[in-house]
Amino acid sequence: MGPFISEEKRDVIQRAQAIYSSLLRQDLDPSYSGKYVSIEPDSGDYFLGESIFHAIDAALTKHPKRLVHTIRIGD
């Protein structure tokens, strides 16, 4: 993470990565490799997309005022 990331964003990234590693990776990696998942860490909701833009759009449709973190599945 770069030096210009706010503490709030850094926290969202860390919590979303923890959710992915502990709860989602095992189920998503085999079937959705190469696709994207956006994670809203306060709710734990996650949204799959063919592209990074589709995943983010789905997340922000449900949580328009929250920060999300998007991960390429299988990376």
PDB file of N, CA and C in Angstrom:
ATOM      1  N   MET A   1       0.840  -1.177   0.000  1.00  0.00           N
ATOM      2  CA  MET A   1       0.000   0.000   0.000  1.00  0.00           C
ATOM      3  C   MET A   1       0.886   1.241   0.000  1.00  0.00           C
ATOM      4  N   GLY A   2       0.500   2.181  -0.802  1.00  0.00           N
ATOM      5  CA  GLY A   2       1.294   3.388  -0.946  1.00  0.00           C
ATOM      6  C   GLY A   2       1.157   4.338   0.231  1.00  0.00           C
ATOM      7  N   PRO A   3       2.046   5.304   0.291  1.00  0.00           N
ATOM      8  CA  PRO A   3       2.047   6.251   1.408  1.00  0.00           C
ATOM      9  C   PRO A   3       0.872   7.237   1.366  1.00  0.00           C
ATOM     10  N   PHE A   4       0.147   7.293   0.257  1.00  0.00           N
ATOM     11  CA  PHE A   4      -0.929   8.271   0.117  1.00  0.00           C
ATOM     12  C   PHE A   4      -2.307   7.688   0.390  1.00  0.00           C
ATOM     13  N   ILE A   5      -2.358   6.505   0.946  1.00  0.00           N
ATOM     14  CA  ILE A   5      -3.625   5.877   1.298  1.00  0.00           C
ATOM     15  C   ILE A   5      -3.997   6.304   2.705  1.00  0.00           C
ATOM     16  N   SER A   6      -5.231   6.795   2.863  1.00  0.00           N
ATOM     17  CA  SER A   6      -5.677   7.243   4.179  1.00  0.00           C
ATOM     18  C   SER A   6      -5.788   6.055   5.130  1.00  0.00           C
ATOM     19  N   GLU A   7      -5.783   6.357   6.396  1.00  0.00           N
ATOM     20  CA  GLU A   7      -5.935   5.308   7.412  1.00  0.00           C
ATOM     21  C   GLU A   7      -7.268   4.583   7.248  1.00  0.00           C
ATOM     22  N   GLU A   8      -8.321   5.321   6.894  1.00  0.00           N
ATOM     23  CA  GLU A   8      -9.641   4.710   6.700  1.00  0.00           C
ATOM     24  C   GLU A   8      -9.593   3.696   5.548  1.00  0.00           C
ATOM     25  N   LYS A   9      -8.988   4.083   4.446  1.00  0.00           N
ATOM     26  CA  LYS A   9      -8.889   3.178   3.302  1.00  0.00           C
ATOM     27  C   LYS A   9      -7.990   1.988   3.632  1.00  0.00           C
ATOM     28  N   ARG A  10      -6.903   2.249   4.318  1.00  0.00           N
ATOM     29  CA  ARG A  10      -5.984   1.173   4.714  1.00  0.00           C
ATOM     30  C   ARG A  10      -6.716   0.150   5.589  1.00  0.00           C
ATOM     31  N   ASP A  11      -7.564   0.636   6.495  1.00  0.00           N
ATOM     32  CA  ASP A  11      -8.339  -0.243   7.368  1.00  0.00           C
ATOM     33  C   ASP A  11      -9.319  -1.089   6.554  1.00  0.00           C
ATOM     34  N   VAL A  12      -9.999  -0.472   5.591  1.00  0.00           N
ATOM     35  CA  VAL A  12     -10.947  -1.200   4.737  1.00  0.00           C
ATOM     36  C   VAL A  12     -10.215  -2.292   3.957  1.00  0.00           C
ATOM     37  N   ILE A  13      -9.070  -1.955   3.392  1.00  0.00           N
ATOM     38  CA  ILE A  13      -8.287  -2.922   2.628  1.00  0.00           C
ATOM     39  C   ILE A  13      -7.882  -4.100   3.508  1.00  0.00           C
ATOM     40  N   GLN A  14      -7.362  -3.826   4.684  1.00  0.00           N
ATOM     41  CA  GLN A  14      -6.911  -4.896   5.573  1.00  0.00           C
ATOM     42  C   GLN A  14      -8.061  -5.793   6.018  1.00  0.00           C
ATOM     43  N   ARG A  15      -9.187  -5.180   6.371  1.00  0.00           N
ATOM     44  CA  ARG A  15     -10.338  -5.992   6.811  1.00  0.00           C
ATOM     45  C   ARG A  15     -10.927  -6.803   5.670  1.00  0.00           C
ATOM     46  N   ALA A  16     -11.010  -6.216   4.472  1.00  0.00           N
ATOM     47  CA  ALA A  16     -11.529  -6.945   3.311  1.00  0.00           C
ATOM     48  C   ALA A  16     -10.614  -8.102   2.933  1.00  0.00           C
ATOM     49  N   GLN A  17      -9.309  -7.886   2.976  1.00  0.00           N
ATOM     50  CA  GLN A  17      -8.368  -8.958   2.672  1.00  0.00           C
ATOM     51  C   GLN A  17      -8.467 -10.083   3.700  1.00  0.00           C
ATOM     52  N   ALA A  18      -8.697  -9.727   4.948  1.00  0.00           N
ATOM     53  CA  ALA A  18      -8.858 -10.749   5.986  1.00  0.00           C
ATOM     54  C   ALA A  18     -10.124 -11.578   5.735  1.00  0.00           C
ATOM     55  N   ILE A  19     -11.206 -10.918   5.338  1.00  0.00           N
ATOM     56  CA  ILE A  19     -12.452 -11.631   5.020  1.00  0.00           C
ATOM     57  C   ILE A  19     -12.219 -12.571   3.844  1.00  0.00           C
ATOM     58  N   TYR A  20     -11.546 -12.070   2.823  1.00  0.00           N
ATOM     59  CA  TYR A  20     -11.275 -12.897   1.650  1.00  0.00           C
ATOM     60  C   TYR A  20     -10.425 -14.115   2.033  1.00  0.00           C
ATOM     61  N   SER A  21      -9.358 -13.874   2.766  1.00  0.00           N
ATOM     62  CA  SER A  21      -8.444 -14.966   3.131  1.00  0.00           C
ATOM     63  C   SER A  21      -9.106 -16.009   4.019  1.00  0.00           C
ATOM     64  N   SER A  22      -9.869 -15.561   4.998  1.00  0.00           N
ATOM     65  CA  SER A  22     -10.410 -16.505   5.977  1.00  0.00           C
ATOM     66  C   SER A  22     -11.761 -17.101   5.607  1.00  0.00           C
ATOM     67  N   LEU A  23     -12.575 -16.371   4.828  1.00  0.00           N
ATOM     68  CA  LEU A  23     -13.939 -16.844   4.567  1.00  0.00           C
ATOM     69  C   LEU A  23     -14.247 -17.141   3.104  1.00  0.00           C
ATOM     70  N   LEU A  24     -13.633 -16.439   2.188  1.00  0.00           N
ATOM     71  CA  LEU A  24     -14.071 -16.529   0.796  1.00  0.00           C
ATOM     72  C   LEU A  24     -13.133 -17.281  -0.138  1.00  0.00           C
ATOM     73  N   ARG A  25     -11.847 -17.166   0.091  1.00  0.00           N
ATOM     74  CA  ARG A  25     -10.863 -17.718  -0.858  1.00  0.00           C
ATOM     75  C   ARG A  25     -11.126 -19.186  -1.184  1.00  0.00           C
ATOM     76  N   GLN A  26     -11.338 -19.995  -0.181  1.00  0.00           N
ATOM     77  CA  GLN A  26     -11.501 -21.440  -0.383  1.00  0.00           C
ATOM     78  C   GLN A  26     -12.673 -21.737  -1.322  1.00  0.00           C
ATOM     79  N   ASP A  27     -13.756 -20.980  -1.212  1.00  0.00           N
ATOM     80  CA  ASP A  27     -14.930 -21.224  -2.054  1.00  0.00           C
ATOM     81  C   ASP A  27     -14.828 -20.547  -3.420  1.00  0.00           C
ATOM     82  N   LEU A  28     -14.239 -19.358  -3.482  1.00  0.00           N
ATOM     83  CA  LEU A  28     -14.238 -18.601  -4.729  1.00  0.00           C
ATOM     84  C   LEU A  28     -13.107 -18.964  -5.682  1.00  0.00           C
ATOM     85  N   ASP A  29     -11.926 -19.253  -5.171  1.00  0.00           N
ATOM     86  CA  ASP A  29     -10.770 -19.491  -6.048  1.00  0.00           C
ATOM     87  C   ASP A  29     -10.995 -20.601  -7.075  1.00  0.00           C
ATOM     88  N   PRO A  30     -11.544 -21.752  -6.687  1.00  0.00           N
ATOM     89  CA  PRO A  30     -11.669 -22.825  -7.679  1.00  0.00           C
ATOM     90  C   PRO A  30     -12.649 -22.505  -8.818  1.00  0.00           C
ATOM     91  N   SER A  31     -13.724 -21.811  -8.520  1.00  0.00           N
ATOM     92  CA  SER A  31     -14.781 -21.597  -9.510  1.00  0.00           C
ATOM     93  C   SER A  31     -14.735 -20.250 -10.208  1.00  0.00           C
ATOM     94  N   TYR A  32     -14.114 -19.264  -9.606  1.00  0.00           N
ATOM     95  CA  TYR A  32     -14.196 -17.906 -10.132  1.00  0.00           C
ATOM     96  C   TYR A  32     -12.819 -17.281 -10.414  1.00  0.00           C
ATOM     97  N   SER A  33     -11.812 -18.094 -10.589  1.00  0.00           N
ATOM     98  CA  SER A  33     -10.467 -17.581 -10.831  1.00  0.00           C
ATOM     99  C   SER A  33     -10.454 -16.642 -12.038  1.00  0.00           C
ATOM    100  N   GLY A  34      -9.817 -15.487 -11.859  1.00  0.00           N
ATOM    101  CA  GLY A  34      -9.743 -14.488 -12.922  1.00  0.00           C
ATOM    102  C   GLY A  34     -10.846 -13.459 -12.878  1.00  0.00           C
ATOM    103  N   LYS A  35     -11.884 -13.719 -12.117  1.00  0.00           N
ATOM    104  CA  LYS A  35     -12.966 -12.745 -11.953  1.00  0.00           C
ATOM    105  C   LYS A  35     -12.618 -11.846 -10.759  1.00  0.00           C
ATOM    106  N   TYR A  36     -13.519 -10.965 -10.385  1.00  0.00           N
ATOM    107  CA  TYR A  36     -13.254 -10.006  -9.320  1.00  0.00           C
ATOM    108  C   TYR A  36     -14.311 -10.099  -8.236  1.00  0.00           C
ATOM    109  N   VAL A  37     -13.892  -9.800  -7.021  1.00  0.00           N
ATOM    110  CA  VAL A  37     -14.805  -9.740  -5.889  1.00  0.00           C
ATOM    111  C   VAL A  37     -14.568  -8.427  -5.155  1.00  0.00           C
ATOM    112  N   SER A  38     -15.660  -7.677  -4.953  1.00  0.00           N
ATOM    113  CA  SER A  38     -15.614  -6.462  -4.131  1.00  0.00           C
ATOM    114  C   SER A  38     -16.201  -6.812  -2.778  1.00  0.00           C
ATOM    115  N   ILE A  39     -15.498  -6.425  -1.734  1.00  0.00           N
ATOM    116  CA  ILE A  39     -15.911  -6.766  -0.373  1.00  0.00           C
ATOM    117  C   ILE A  39     -16.170  -5.491   0.404  1.00  0.00           C
ATOM    118  N   GLU A  40     -17.338  -5.431   1.030  1.00  0.00           N
ATOM    119  CA  GLU A  40     -17.684  -4.322   1.928  1.00  0.00           C
ATOM    120  C   GLU A  40     -17.490  -4.882   3.332  1.00  0.00           C
ATOM    121  N   PRO A  41     -16.412  -4.514   4.013  1.00  0.00           N
ATOM    122  CA  PRO A  41     -16.031  -5.214   5.244  1.00  0.00           C
ATOM    123  C   PRO A  41     -16.929  -4.968   6.454  1.00  0.00           C
ATOM    124  N   ASP A  42     -17.686  -3.879   6.501  1.00  0.00           N
ATOM    125  CA  ASP A  42     -18.560  -3.667   7.656  1.00  0.00           C
ATOM    126  C   ASP A  42     -19.688  -4.693   7.686  1.00  0.00           C
ATOM    127  N   SER A  43     -20.270  -4.984   6.531  1.00  0.00           N
ATOM    128  CA  SER A  43     -21.371  -5.949   6.456  1.00  0.00           C
ATOM    129  C   SER A  43     -20.872  -7.356   6.156  1.00  0.00           C
ATOM    130  N   GLY A  44     -19.700  -7.450   5.518  1.00  0.00           N
ATOM    131  CA  GLY A  44     -19.207  -8.740   5.052  1.00  0.00           C
ATOM    132  C   GLY A  44     -19.783  -9.122   3.699  1.00  0.00           C
ATOM    133  N   ASP A  45     -20.621  -8.243   3.129  1.00  0.00           N
ATOM    134  CA  ASP A  45     -21.195  -8.513   1.815  1.00  0.00           C
ATOM    135  C   ASP A  45     -20.095  -8.522   0.765  1.00  0.00           C
ATOM    136  N   TYR A  46     -20.254  -9.397  -0.217  1.00  0.00           N
ATOM    137  CA  TYR A  46     -19.294  -9.427  -1.317  1.00  0.00           C
ATOM    138  C   TYR A  46     -20.041  -9.559  -2.638  1.00  0.00           C
ATOM    139  N   PHE A  47     -19.404  -9.081  -3.696  1.00  0.00           N
ATOM    140  CA  PHE A  47     -20.048  -8.965  -4.990  1.00  0.00           C
ATOM    141  C   PHE A  47     -19.071  -9.417  -6.072  1.00  0.00           C
ATOM    142  N   LEU A  48     -19.505 -10.367  -6.890  1.00  0.00           N
ATOM    143  CA  LEU A  48     -18.661 -10.906  -7.941  1.00  0.00           C
ATOM    144  C   LEU A  48     -18.900 -10.158  -9.241  1.00  0.00           C
ATOM    145  N   GLY A  49     -17.868 -10.065 -10.067  1.00  0.00           N
ATOM    146  CA  GLY A  49     -18.006  -9.436 -11.363  1.00  0.00           C
ATOM    147  C   GLY A  49     -17.015  -9.998 -12.359  1.00  0.00           C
ATOM    148  N   GLU A  50     -17.399  -9.963 -13.637  1.00  0.00           N
ATOM    149  CA  GLU A  50     -16.506 -10.379 -14.718  1.00  0.00           C
ATOM    150  C   GLU A  50     -15.325  -9.434 -14.836  1.00  0.00           C
ATOM    151  N   SER A  51     -15.560  -8.167 -14.476  1.00  0.00           N
ATOM    152  CA  SER A  51     -14.498  -7.156 -14.513  1.00  0.00           C
ATOM    153  C   SER A  51     -14.464  -6.450 -13.161  1.00  0.00           C
ATOM    154  N   ILE A  52     -13.397  -5.716 -12.940  1.00  0.00           N
ATOM    155  CA  ILE A  52     -13.293  -4.941 -11.698  1.00  0.00           C
ATOM    156  C   ILE A  52     -14.443  -3.940 -11.603  1.00  0.00           C
ATOM    157  N   PHE A  53     -14.829  -3.383 -12.748  1.00  0.00           N
ATOM    158  CA  PHE A  53     -15.891  -2.377 -12.765  1.00  0.00           C
ATOM    159  C   PHE A  53     -17.246  -2.972 -12.413  1.00  0.00           C
ATOM    160  N   HIS A  54     -17.532  -4.189 -12.892  1.00  0.00           N
ATOM    161  CA  HIS A  54     -18.801  -4.842 -12.561  1.00  0.00           C
ATOM    162  C   HIS A  54     -18.889  -5.157 -11.069  1.00  0.00           C
ATOM    163  N   ALA A  55     -17.797  -5.626 -10.492  1.00  0.00           N
ATOM    164  CA  ALA A  55     -17.791  -5.961  -9.065  1.00  0.00           C
ATOM    165  C   ALA A  55     -17.981  -4.708  -8.213  1.00  0.00           C
ATOM    166  N   ILE A  56     -17.273  -3.641  -8.556  1.00  0.00           N
ATOM    167  CA  ILE A  56     -17.398  -2.397  -7.798  1.00  0.00           C
ATOM    168  C   ILE A  56     -18.796  -1.811  -7.953  1.00  0.00           C
ATOM    169  N   ASP A  57     -19.324  -1.820  -9.168  1.00  0.00           N
ATOM    170  CA  ASP A  57     -20.656  -1.272  -9.410  1.00  0.00           C
ATOM    171  C   ASP A  57     -21.711  -2.011  -8.592  1.00  0.00           C
ATOM    172  N   ALA A  58     -21.613  -3.324  -8.545  1.00  0.00           N
ATOM    173  CA  ALA A  58     -22.570  -4.113  -7.756  1.00  0.00           C
ATOM    174  C   ALA A  58     -22.474  -3.766  -6.276  1.00  0.00           C
ATOM    175  N   ALA A  59     -21.251  -3.623  -5.773  1.00  0.00           N
ATOM    176  CA  ALA A  59     -21.063  -3.286  -4.360  1.00  0.00           C
ATOM    177  C   ALA A  59     -21.610  -1.903  -4.043  1.00  0.00           C
ATOM    178  N   LEU A  60     -21.320  -0.947  -4.914  1.00  0.00           N
ATOM    179  CA  LEU A  60     -21.752   0.428  -4.641  1.00  0.00           C
ATOM    180  C   LEU A  60     -23.247   0.622  -4.876  1.00  0.00           C
ATOM    181  N   THR A  61     -23.861  -0.256  -5.641  1.00  0.00           N
ATOM    182  CA  THR A  61     -25.316  -0.197  -5.795  1.00  0.00           C
ATOM    183  C   THR A  61     -25.988  -0.503  -4.461  1.00  0.00           C
ATOM    184  N   LYS A  62     -25.458  -1.484  -3.760  1.00  0.00           N
ATOM    185  CA  LYS A  62     -26.036  -1.852  -2.456  1.00  0.00           C
ATOM    186  C   LYS A  62     -25.524  -0.954  -1.332  1.00  0.00           C
ATOM    187  N   HIS A  63     -24.267  -0.552  -1.392  1.00  0.00           N
ATOM    188  CA  HIS A  63     -23.648   0.240  -0.326  1.00  0.00           C
ATOM    189  C   HIS A  63     -23.024   1.510  -0.926  1.00  0.00           C
ATOM    190  N   PRO A  64     -23.851   2.447  -1.372  1.00  0.00           N
ATOM    191  CA  PRO A  64     -23.323   3.609  -2.107  1.00  0.00           C
ATOM    192  C   PRO A  64     -22.424   4.539  -1.301  1.00  0.00           C
ATOM    193  N   LYS A  65     -22.503   4.512  -0.009  1.00  0.00           N
ATOM    194  CA  LYS A  65     -21.716   5.452   0.794  1.00  0.00           C
ATOM    195  C   LYS A  65     -20.596   4.782   1.578  1.00  0.00           C
ATOM    196  N   ARG A  66     -20.314   3.539   1.254  1.00  0.00           N
ATOM    197  CA  ARG A  66     -19.276   2.806   1.970  1.00  0.00           C
ATOM    198  C   ARG A  66     -18.084   2.519   1.060  1.00  0.00           C
ATOM    199  N   LEU A  67     -16.938   2.376   1.672  1.00  0.00           N
ATOM    200  CA  LEU A  67     -15.747   1.987   0.929  1.00  0.00           C
ATOM    201  C   LEU A  67     -15.728   0.475   0.753  1.00  0.00           C
ATOM    202  N   VAL A  68     -15.278   0.033  -0.411  1.00  0.00           N
ATOM    203  CA  VAL A  68     -15.125  -1.398  -0.677  1.00  0.00           C
ATOM    204  C   VAL A  68     -13.702  -1.643  -1.160  1.00  0.00           C
ATOM    205  N   HIS A  69     -13.305  -2.878  -1.088  1.00  0.00           N
ATOM    206  CA  HIS A  69     -12.001  -3.277  -1.624  1.00  0.00           C
ATOM    207  C   HIS A  69     -12.245  -4.402  -2.614  1.00  0.00           C
ATOM    208  N   THR A  70     -11.580  -4.327  -3.763  1.00  0.00           N
ATOM    209  CA  THR A  70     -11.782  -5.308  -4.817  1.00  0.00           C
ATOM    210  C   THR A  70     -10.504  -6.102  -5.050  1.00  0.00           C
ATOM    211  N   ILE A  71     -10.690  -7.408  -5.188  1.00  0.00           N
ATOM    212  CA  ILE A  71      -9.588  -8.353  -5.331  1.00  0.00           C
ATOM    213  C   ILE A  71      -9.834  -9.181  -6.577  1.00  0.00           C
ATOM    214  N   ARG A  72      -8.771  -9.432  -7.330  1.00  0.00           N
ATOM    215  CA  ARG A  72      -8.872 -10.372  -8.451  1.00  0.00           C
ATOM    216  C   ARG A  72      -8.753 -11.774  -7.878  1.00  0.00           C
ATOM    217  N   ILE A  73      -9.740 -12.585  -8.126  1.00  0.00           N
ATOM    218  CA  ILE A  73      -9.799 -13.924  -7.556  1.00  0.00           C
ATOM    219  C   ILE A  73      -8.723 -14.804  -8.181  1.00  0.00           C
ATOM    220  N   GLY A  74      -8.019 -15.515  -7.341  1.00  0.00           N
ATOM    221  CA  GLY A  74      -6.983 -16.418  -7.788  1.00  0.00           C
ATOM    222  C   GLY A  74      -5.592 -15.804  -7.798  1.00  0.00           C
ATOM    223  N   ASP A  75      -5.487 -14.523  -7.527  1.00  0.00           N
ATOM    224  CA  ASP A  75      -4.175 -13.858  -7.488  1.00  0.00           C
ATOM    225  C   ASP A  75      -3.595 -13.897  -6.093  1.00  0.00           C
TER     226      ASP A  75
END
